[in-house]
N, C-alpha and C. Protein backbone atom coordinates (compact mmCIF):
# COMPACT_ATOMS: atom_id res chain seq x y z
N MET A 1 306.89 -42.80 -144.47
CA MET A 1 308.14 -43.50 -144.71
C MET A 1 308.09 -44.86 -144.02
N ASP A 2 308.51 -45.90 -144.71
CA ASP A 2 308.58 -47.25 -144.15
C ASP A 2 309.99 -47.48 -143.61
N TRP A 3 310.17 -47.28 -142.30
CA TRP A 3 311.48 -47.36 -141.67
C TRP A 3 312.05 -48.77 -141.73
N THR A 4 311.21 -49.78 -141.84
CA THR A 4 311.70 -51.16 -141.87
C THR A 4 312.48 -51.46 -143.14
N GLN A 5 312.33 -50.63 -144.16
CA GLN A 5 313.05 -50.84 -145.41
C GLN A 5 314.46 -50.26 -145.38
N LEU A 6 314.79 -49.54 -144.32
CA LEU A 6 316.12 -48.93 -144.21
C LEU A 6 317.08 -49.90 -143.54
N ASN A 7 318.24 -50.10 -144.14
CA ASN A 7 319.21 -51.04 -143.56
C ASN A 7 320.44 -50.35 -142.98
N ARG A 8 320.45 -49.02 -143.00
CA ARG A 8 321.55 -48.28 -142.38
C ARG A 8 321.11 -46.85 -142.10
N GLY A 9 321.83 -46.24 -141.15
CA GLY A 9 321.58 -44.84 -140.85
C GLY A 9 320.41 -44.56 -139.93
N VAL A 10 319.71 -45.59 -139.47
CA VAL A 10 318.59 -45.40 -138.55
C VAL A 10 318.93 -46.14 -137.26
N PHE A 11 318.94 -45.41 -136.15
CA PHE A 11 319.35 -45.97 -134.87
C PHE A 11 318.30 -45.68 -133.80
N LEU A 12 318.30 -46.51 -132.77
CA LEU A 12 317.54 -46.24 -131.57
C LEU A 12 318.47 -45.44 -130.67
N LEU A 13 318.11 -44.19 -130.40
CA LEU A 13 319.01 -43.26 -129.70
C LEU A 13 318.76 -43.26 -128.20
N ASN A 14 319.84 -43.29 -127.46
CA ASN A 14 319.82 -43.10 -126.01
C ASN A 14 320.73 -41.93 -125.68
N VAL A 15 320.30 -41.10 -124.74
CA VAL A 15 321.16 -40.05 -124.20
C VAL A 15 321.49 -40.46 -122.77
N LEU A 16 322.78 -40.47 -122.45
CA LEU A 16 323.24 -40.96 -121.16
C LEU A 16 324.08 -39.92 -120.46
N GLY A 17 323.94 -39.85 -119.14
CA GLY A 17 324.69 -38.86 -118.38
C GLY A 17 325.79 -39.50 -117.55
N VAL A 18 327.00 -39.00 -117.73
CA VAL A 18 328.08 -39.32 -116.81
C VAL A 18 327.97 -38.24 -115.75
N VAL A 19 327.20 -38.55 -114.70
CA VAL A 19 326.90 -37.59 -113.64
C VAL A 19 328.08 -37.61 -112.67
N TYR A 20 328.80 -36.50 -112.66
CA TYR A 20 330.07 -36.42 -111.92
C TYR A 20 329.94 -35.46 -110.75
N ASN A 21 330.49 -35.89 -109.61
CA ASN A 21 330.57 -35.03 -108.44
C ASN A 21 332.03 -34.63 -108.25
N PRO A 22 332.41 -33.39 -108.59
CA PRO A 22 333.82 -33.00 -108.49
C PRO A 22 334.36 -32.99 -107.06
N LYS A 23 333.47 -32.84 -106.07
CA LYS A 23 333.93 -32.84 -104.67
C LYS A 23 334.38 -34.22 -104.22
N THR A 24 333.61 -35.24 -104.57
CA THR A 24 333.96 -36.61 -104.17
C THR A 24 334.73 -37.35 -105.25
N GLN A 25 334.79 -36.75 -106.44
CA GLN A 25 335.43 -37.36 -107.62
C GLN A 25 334.81 -38.72 -107.94
N GLN A 26 333.48 -38.78 -107.88
CA GLN A 26 332.76 -40.01 -108.18
C GLN A 26 331.70 -39.76 -109.25
N ILE A 27 331.28 -40.84 -109.92
CA ILE A 27 330.21 -40.77 -110.90
C ILE A 27 329.08 -41.68 -110.46
N LEU A 28 327.88 -41.36 -110.94
CA LEU A 28 326.67 -42.08 -110.56
C LEU A 28 326.34 -43.14 -111.61
N ILE A 29 326.09 -44.36 -111.14
CA ILE A 29 325.64 -45.43 -112.02
C ILE A 29 324.37 -46.03 -111.43
N GLY A 30 323.58 -46.67 -112.27
CA GLY A 30 322.34 -47.29 -111.83
C GLY A 30 322.28 -48.74 -112.26
N LYS A 31 321.65 -49.55 -111.43
CA LYS A 31 321.51 -50.98 -111.72
C LYS A 31 320.12 -51.25 -112.27
N ARG A 32 320.12 -51.92 -113.43
CA ARG A 32 318.87 -52.32 -114.07
C ARG A 32 318.76 -53.83 -114.01
N GLU A 33 317.55 -54.31 -114.08
CA GLU A 33 317.31 -55.75 -114.15
C GLU A 33 316.36 -56.04 -115.30
N LYS A 34 316.63 -57.11 -116.02
CA LYS A 34 315.75 -57.59 -117.09
C LYS A 34 315.53 -56.55 -118.18
N ASP A 35 316.62 -55.97 -118.70
CA ASP A 35 316.51 -55.03 -119.80
C ASP A 35 315.91 -55.76 -121.01
N PRO A 36 314.89 -55.20 -121.66
CA PRO A 36 314.26 -55.90 -122.78
C PRO A 36 315.09 -55.93 -124.06
N TYR A 37 316.09 -55.07 -124.16
CA TYR A 37 316.86 -54.98 -125.39
C TYR A 37 318.24 -55.63 -125.30
N ILE A 38 318.92 -55.42 -124.19
CA ILE A 38 320.26 -55.98 -124.01
C ILE A 38 320.23 -56.85 -122.76
N LYS A 39 320.14 -58.14 -122.94
CA LYS A 39 319.92 -59.09 -121.84
C LYS A 39 321.02 -59.04 -120.78
N LYS A 40 322.27 -58.78 -121.17
CA LYS A 40 323.38 -58.79 -120.22
C LYS A 40 323.53 -57.48 -119.45
N LEU A 41 322.70 -56.48 -119.76
CA LEU A 41 322.84 -55.17 -119.13
C LEU A 41 322.53 -55.25 -117.64
N SER A 42 323.41 -54.69 -116.83
CA SER A 42 323.17 -54.60 -115.38
C SER A 42 323.36 -53.14 -114.96
N TRP A 43 324.58 -52.74 -114.64
CA TRP A 43 324.86 -51.36 -114.28
C TRP A 43 325.03 -50.53 -115.53
N THR A 44 324.59 -49.29 -115.47
CA THR A 44 324.66 -48.40 -116.61
C THR A 44 324.67 -46.94 -116.14
N PHE A 45 324.92 -46.05 -117.05
CA PHE A 45 324.80 -44.63 -116.77
C PHE A 45 323.33 -44.24 -116.89
N PRO A 46 322.85 -43.30 -116.09
CA PRO A 46 321.44 -42.90 -116.18
C PRO A 46 321.16 -42.13 -117.46
N GLY A 47 319.96 -42.31 -117.96
CA GLY A 47 319.52 -41.62 -119.16
C GLY A 47 318.38 -42.40 -119.79
N GLY A 48 318.17 -42.18 -121.08
CA GLY A 48 317.09 -42.88 -121.76
C GLY A 48 316.88 -42.37 -123.17
N ARG A 49 315.76 -42.78 -123.73
CA ARG A 49 315.44 -42.40 -125.10
C ARG A 49 314.73 -41.05 -125.13
N PRO A 50 315.18 -40.15 -126.00
CA PRO A 50 314.51 -38.85 -126.11
C PRO A 50 313.29 -38.94 -127.02
N ALA A 51 312.37 -38.00 -126.83
CA ALA A 51 311.25 -37.83 -127.75
C ALA A 51 311.67 -36.79 -128.80
N TYR A 52 310.75 -36.37 -129.63
CA TYR A 52 311.08 -35.48 -130.73
C TYR A 52 310.78 -34.00 -130.47
N GLU A 53 309.96 -33.70 -129.45
CA GLU A 53 309.48 -32.33 -129.29
C GLU A 53 310.53 -31.35 -128.77
N GLN A 54 311.44 -31.81 -127.89
CA GLN A 54 312.44 -30.93 -127.27
C GLN A 54 313.84 -31.35 -127.71
N ASP A 55 314.85 -30.58 -127.24
CA ASP A 55 316.22 -30.96 -127.59
C ASP A 55 316.69 -32.12 -126.71
N LEU A 56 317.79 -32.74 -127.09
CA LEU A 56 318.28 -33.94 -126.42
C LEU A 56 318.60 -33.69 -124.95
N GLU A 57 319.16 -32.53 -124.63
CA GLU A 57 319.53 -32.22 -123.26
C GLU A 57 318.30 -32.14 -122.35
N PHE A 58 317.19 -31.65 -122.88
CA PHE A 58 315.94 -31.60 -122.11
C PHE A 58 315.55 -33.01 -121.67
N TYR A 59 315.59 -33.95 -122.60
CA TYR A 59 315.21 -35.33 -122.28
C TYR A 59 316.22 -36.02 -121.38
N LEU A 60 317.50 -35.68 -121.53
CA LEU A 60 318.50 -36.24 -120.63
C LEU A 60 318.21 -35.81 -119.19
N LYS A 61 317.93 -34.53 -118.99
CA LYS A 61 317.60 -34.04 -117.65
C LYS A 61 316.35 -34.74 -117.10
N HIS A 62 315.36 -34.89 -117.95
CA HIS A 62 314.11 -35.55 -117.54
C HIS A 62 314.35 -37.00 -117.15
N GLU A 63 315.07 -37.74 -117.97
CA GLU A 63 315.32 -39.16 -117.71
C GLU A 63 316.16 -39.36 -116.45
N ILE A 64 317.16 -38.51 -116.25
CA ILE A 64 317.98 -38.63 -115.04
C ILE A 64 317.14 -38.31 -113.80
N LYS A 65 316.26 -37.34 -113.90
CA LYS A 65 315.40 -36.98 -112.77
C LYS A 65 314.50 -38.16 -112.38
N ILE A 66 313.86 -38.81 -113.35
CA ILE A 66 312.94 -39.89 -113.00
C ILE A 66 313.66 -41.18 -112.59
N LYS A 67 314.91 -41.32 -113.00
CA LYS A 67 315.66 -42.54 -112.64
C LYS A 67 316.47 -42.39 -111.35
N THR A 68 316.84 -41.15 -111.00
CA THR A 68 317.72 -40.95 -109.84
C THR A 68 317.18 -39.94 -108.81
N GLY A 69 316.17 -39.17 -109.17
CA GLY A 69 315.67 -38.12 -108.30
C GLY A 69 316.49 -36.85 -108.33
N LEU A 70 317.54 -36.82 -109.13
CA LEU A 70 318.47 -35.69 -109.13
C LEU A 70 318.23 -34.74 -110.30
N ASP A 71 318.45 -33.46 -110.03
CA ASP A 71 318.45 -32.44 -111.07
C ASP A 71 319.90 -32.24 -111.49
N ILE A 72 320.13 -32.17 -112.80
CA ILE A 72 321.50 -32.06 -113.29
C ILE A 72 321.67 -30.86 -114.21
N ASP A 73 322.91 -30.45 -114.34
CA ASP A 73 323.33 -29.46 -115.33
C ASP A 73 324.14 -30.22 -116.37
N VAL A 74 323.76 -30.09 -117.62
CA VAL A 74 324.49 -30.75 -118.71
C VAL A 74 325.66 -29.87 -119.11
N LYS A 75 326.88 -30.41 -119.02
CA LYS A 75 328.08 -29.64 -119.31
C LYS A 75 328.49 -29.72 -120.78
N LYS A 76 328.62 -30.97 -121.31
CA LYS A 76 329.07 -31.11 -122.70
C LYS A 76 328.90 -32.56 -123.15
N ILE A 77 328.90 -32.76 -124.45
CA ILE A 77 328.93 -34.10 -125.02
C ILE A 77 330.36 -34.62 -124.90
N ILE A 78 330.50 -35.86 -124.44
CA ILE A 78 331.86 -36.40 -124.30
C ILE A 78 332.13 -37.59 -125.21
N PHE A 79 331.08 -38.26 -125.72
CA PHE A 79 331.33 -39.46 -126.49
C PHE A 79 330.03 -39.95 -127.12
N ALA A 80 330.14 -40.66 -128.23
CA ALA A 80 328.99 -41.33 -128.86
C ALA A 80 329.46 -42.68 -129.38
N LYS A 81 328.56 -43.68 -129.30
CA LYS A 81 328.96 -45.01 -129.75
C LYS A 81 327.76 -45.88 -130.06
N THR A 82 328.02 -46.93 -130.84
CA THR A 82 327.09 -48.04 -131.00
C THR A 82 327.66 -49.19 -130.19
N TYR A 83 326.90 -50.26 -130.03
CA TYR A 83 327.28 -51.37 -129.16
C TYR A 83 327.47 -52.65 -129.95
N PRO A 84 328.54 -53.40 -129.66
CA PRO A 84 328.70 -54.68 -130.34
C PRO A 84 327.55 -55.64 -130.00
N GLU A 85 326.92 -55.48 -128.84
CA GLU A 85 325.80 -56.35 -128.46
C GLU A 85 324.57 -56.10 -129.32
N ASN A 86 324.43 -54.86 -129.82
CA ASN A 86 323.28 -54.51 -130.66
C ASN A 86 323.63 -53.22 -131.40
N ARG A 87 324.03 -53.34 -132.66
CA ARG A 87 324.52 -52.19 -133.45
C ARG A 87 323.44 -51.17 -133.76
N GLU A 88 322.17 -51.51 -133.56
CA GLU A 88 321.09 -50.55 -133.84
C GLU A 88 320.99 -49.48 -132.75
N PHE A 89 321.64 -49.68 -131.61
CA PHE A 89 321.60 -48.72 -130.51
C PHE A 89 322.74 -47.72 -130.65
N LEU A 90 322.41 -46.45 -130.55
CA LEU A 90 323.39 -45.37 -130.57
C LEU A 90 323.23 -44.58 -129.28
N SER A 91 324.30 -44.43 -128.54
CA SER A 91 324.25 -43.65 -127.29
C SER A 91 325.15 -42.44 -127.39
N ILE A 92 324.63 -41.33 -126.90
CA ILE A 92 325.40 -40.10 -126.78
C ILE A 92 325.59 -39.86 -125.29
N TYR A 93 326.84 -39.75 -124.88
CA TYR A 93 327.20 -39.56 -123.47
C TYR A 93 327.50 -38.09 -123.21
N TYR A 94 326.92 -37.57 -122.14
CA TYR A 94 327.11 -36.18 -121.73
C TYR A 94 327.75 -36.14 -120.35
N LEU A 95 328.64 -35.19 -120.13
CA LEU A 95 329.14 -34.91 -118.80
C LEU A 95 328.12 -34.03 -118.10
N CYS A 96 327.72 -34.42 -116.88
CA CYS A 96 326.70 -33.71 -116.12
C CYS A 96 327.16 -33.54 -114.68
N GLU A 97 326.58 -32.56 -114.00
CA GLU A 97 326.81 -32.38 -112.57
C GLU A 97 325.48 -32.16 -111.87
N VAL A 98 325.37 -32.63 -110.65
CA VAL A 98 324.15 -32.50 -109.86
C VAL A 98 324.00 -31.05 -109.40
N VAL A 99 322.76 -30.52 -109.53
CA VAL A 99 322.47 -29.17 -109.05
C VAL A 99 321.33 -29.17 -108.02
N GLY A 100 320.75 -30.34 -107.75
CA GLY A 100 319.67 -30.39 -106.77
C GLY A 100 318.96 -31.74 -106.81
N GLY A 101 317.86 -31.80 -106.08
CA GLY A 101 317.05 -33.01 -106.03
C GLY A 101 317.40 -33.89 -104.85
N LYS A 102 316.64 -34.95 -104.71
CA LYS A 102 316.85 -35.91 -103.63
C LYS A 102 317.15 -37.27 -104.26
N GLU A 103 318.32 -37.80 -103.96
CA GLU A 103 318.80 -39.04 -104.58
C GLU A 103 317.97 -40.26 -104.17
N LYS A 104 317.45 -40.98 -105.21
CA LYS A 104 316.73 -42.23 -104.97
C LYS A 104 316.63 -42.99 -106.28
N ALA A 105 316.71 -44.32 -106.20
CA ALA A 105 316.54 -45.15 -107.39
C ALA A 105 315.09 -45.02 -107.86
N GLY A 106 314.92 -44.75 -109.14
CA GLY A 106 313.58 -44.58 -109.70
C GLY A 106 313.38 -45.49 -110.90
N GLU A 107 312.56 -45.04 -111.82
CA GLU A 107 312.14 -45.82 -112.99
C GLU A 107 313.26 -46.66 -113.59
N LYS A 108 313.06 -47.96 -113.62
CA LYS A 108 313.95 -48.96 -114.22
C LYS A 108 315.25 -49.19 -113.47
N PHE A 109 315.54 -48.40 -112.45
CA PHE A 109 316.73 -48.63 -111.62
C PHE A 109 316.29 -49.27 -110.30
N VAL A 110 316.96 -50.35 -109.94
CA VAL A 110 316.69 -50.98 -108.65
C VAL A 110 317.68 -50.48 -107.59
N GLU A 111 318.74 -49.84 -108.05
CA GLU A 111 319.76 -49.32 -107.14
C GLU A 111 320.58 -48.27 -107.88
N ILE A 112 321.03 -47.25 -107.16
CA ILE A 112 322.00 -46.30 -107.71
C ILE A 112 323.19 -46.24 -106.77
N LYS A 113 324.35 -45.92 -107.34
CA LYS A 113 325.58 -45.96 -106.55
C LYS A 113 326.58 -44.96 -107.12
N TRP A 114 327.30 -44.28 -106.22
CA TRP A 114 328.41 -43.41 -106.60
C TRP A 114 329.69 -44.23 -106.56
N VAL A 115 330.46 -44.18 -107.64
CA VAL A 115 331.70 -44.96 -107.71
C VAL A 115 332.82 -44.09 -108.29
N LYS A 116 334.05 -44.47 -107.99
CA LYS A 116 335.20 -43.82 -108.61
C LYS A 116 335.19 -44.16 -110.11
N PRO A 117 335.52 -43.20 -110.97
CA PRO A 117 335.51 -43.47 -112.41
C PRO A 117 336.35 -44.69 -112.81
N ILE A 118 337.46 -44.92 -112.13
CA ILE A 118 338.31 -46.07 -112.50
C ILE A 118 337.68 -47.40 -112.10
N ASP A 119 336.63 -47.37 -111.25
CA ASP A 119 335.98 -48.60 -110.81
C ASP A 119 334.75 -48.99 -111.63
N VAL A 120 334.35 -48.16 -112.58
CA VAL A 120 333.15 -48.42 -113.37
C VAL A 120 333.18 -49.80 -114.01
N GLN A 121 334.31 -50.18 -114.54
CA GLN A 121 334.44 -51.46 -115.25
C GLN A 121 334.12 -52.65 -114.34
N LYS A 122 334.28 -52.52 -113.05
CA LYS A 122 333.98 -53.61 -112.12
C LYS A 122 332.48 -53.90 -112.06
N TYR A 123 331.66 -52.93 -112.41
CA TYR A 123 330.21 -53.06 -112.30
C TYR A 123 329.52 -53.42 -113.62
N PHE A 124 330.02 -52.89 -114.72
CA PHE A 124 329.33 -53.06 -116.01
C PHE A 124 329.53 -54.48 -116.56
N THR A 125 328.44 -55.07 -117.05
CA THR A 125 328.50 -56.39 -117.67
C THR A 125 328.42 -56.30 -119.18
N THR A 126 328.28 -55.11 -119.70
CA THR A 126 328.28 -54.88 -121.15
C THR A 126 329.53 -54.09 -121.52
N SER A 127 329.74 -53.91 -122.79
CA SER A 127 330.98 -53.29 -123.27
C SER A 127 331.08 -51.82 -122.84
N LEU A 128 332.28 -51.44 -122.50
CA LEU A 128 332.62 -50.04 -122.25
C LEU A 128 333.74 -49.69 -123.22
N HIS A 129 333.48 -48.74 -124.06
CA HIS A 129 334.44 -48.37 -125.09
C HIS A 129 335.71 -47.82 -124.46
N PRO A 130 336.89 -48.19 -124.98
CA PRO A 130 338.16 -47.69 -124.42
C PRO A 130 338.26 -46.17 -124.40
N THR A 131 337.70 -45.50 -125.38
CA THR A 131 337.74 -44.04 -125.40
C THR A 131 336.96 -43.46 -124.22
N LEU A 132 335.81 -44.05 -123.92
CA LEU A 132 335.02 -43.59 -122.78
C LEU A 132 335.76 -43.90 -121.47
N LEU A 133 336.33 -45.08 -121.36
CA LEU A 133 337.09 -45.42 -120.16
C LEU A 133 338.26 -44.48 -119.94
N ASN A 134 338.95 -44.15 -121.02
CA ASN A 134 340.08 -43.21 -120.91
C ASN A 134 339.59 -41.83 -120.47
N TYR A 135 338.44 -41.40 -120.96
CA TYR A 135 337.90 -40.12 -120.54
C TYR A 135 337.57 -40.15 -119.05
N LEU A 136 336.93 -41.22 -118.60
CA LEU A 136 336.56 -41.32 -117.19
C LEU A 136 337.80 -41.20 -116.28
N LYS A 137 338.91 -41.72 -116.72
CA LYS A 137 340.15 -41.67 -115.93
C LYS A 137 340.66 -40.23 -115.77
N THR A 138 340.23 -39.31 -116.64
CA THR A 138 340.69 -37.93 -116.57
C THR A 138 339.87 -37.08 -115.59
N LEU A 139 338.74 -37.62 -115.12
CA LEU A 139 337.88 -36.84 -114.22
C LEU A 139 338.54 -36.70 -112.86
N LYS A 140 338.76 -35.47 -112.45
CA LYS A 140 339.39 -35.18 -111.17
C LYS A 140 338.75 -33.98 -110.54
């Protein structure tokens, strides 16, 4: 199949974790520098692109582990969106909780930080969908 001939329905998929700590009521974000796809990207939720061999949750756990050092439990899908900065990107957001590991900035992250859900907008330099922001406000 020649994928370049398709003008719709084909996306570059990212799986992202809203890693939530119910005890502190904070979520984990990571800082990236020099993203090759979205130039304005700075802080983001941890995750990445899945491969084809396993299910999406397997790759989400793997990507969060290599970017943050943390082991997570995937709770549920909370949101999916494309980006006005680049419509070819499709992200699926999952609610996750930490179950182990040692916290450290890893692959592609220069820093990780726990923040209150209502403060996420202060860090992100790219669009945050209102539906996702409203969901974050419900985390308690």
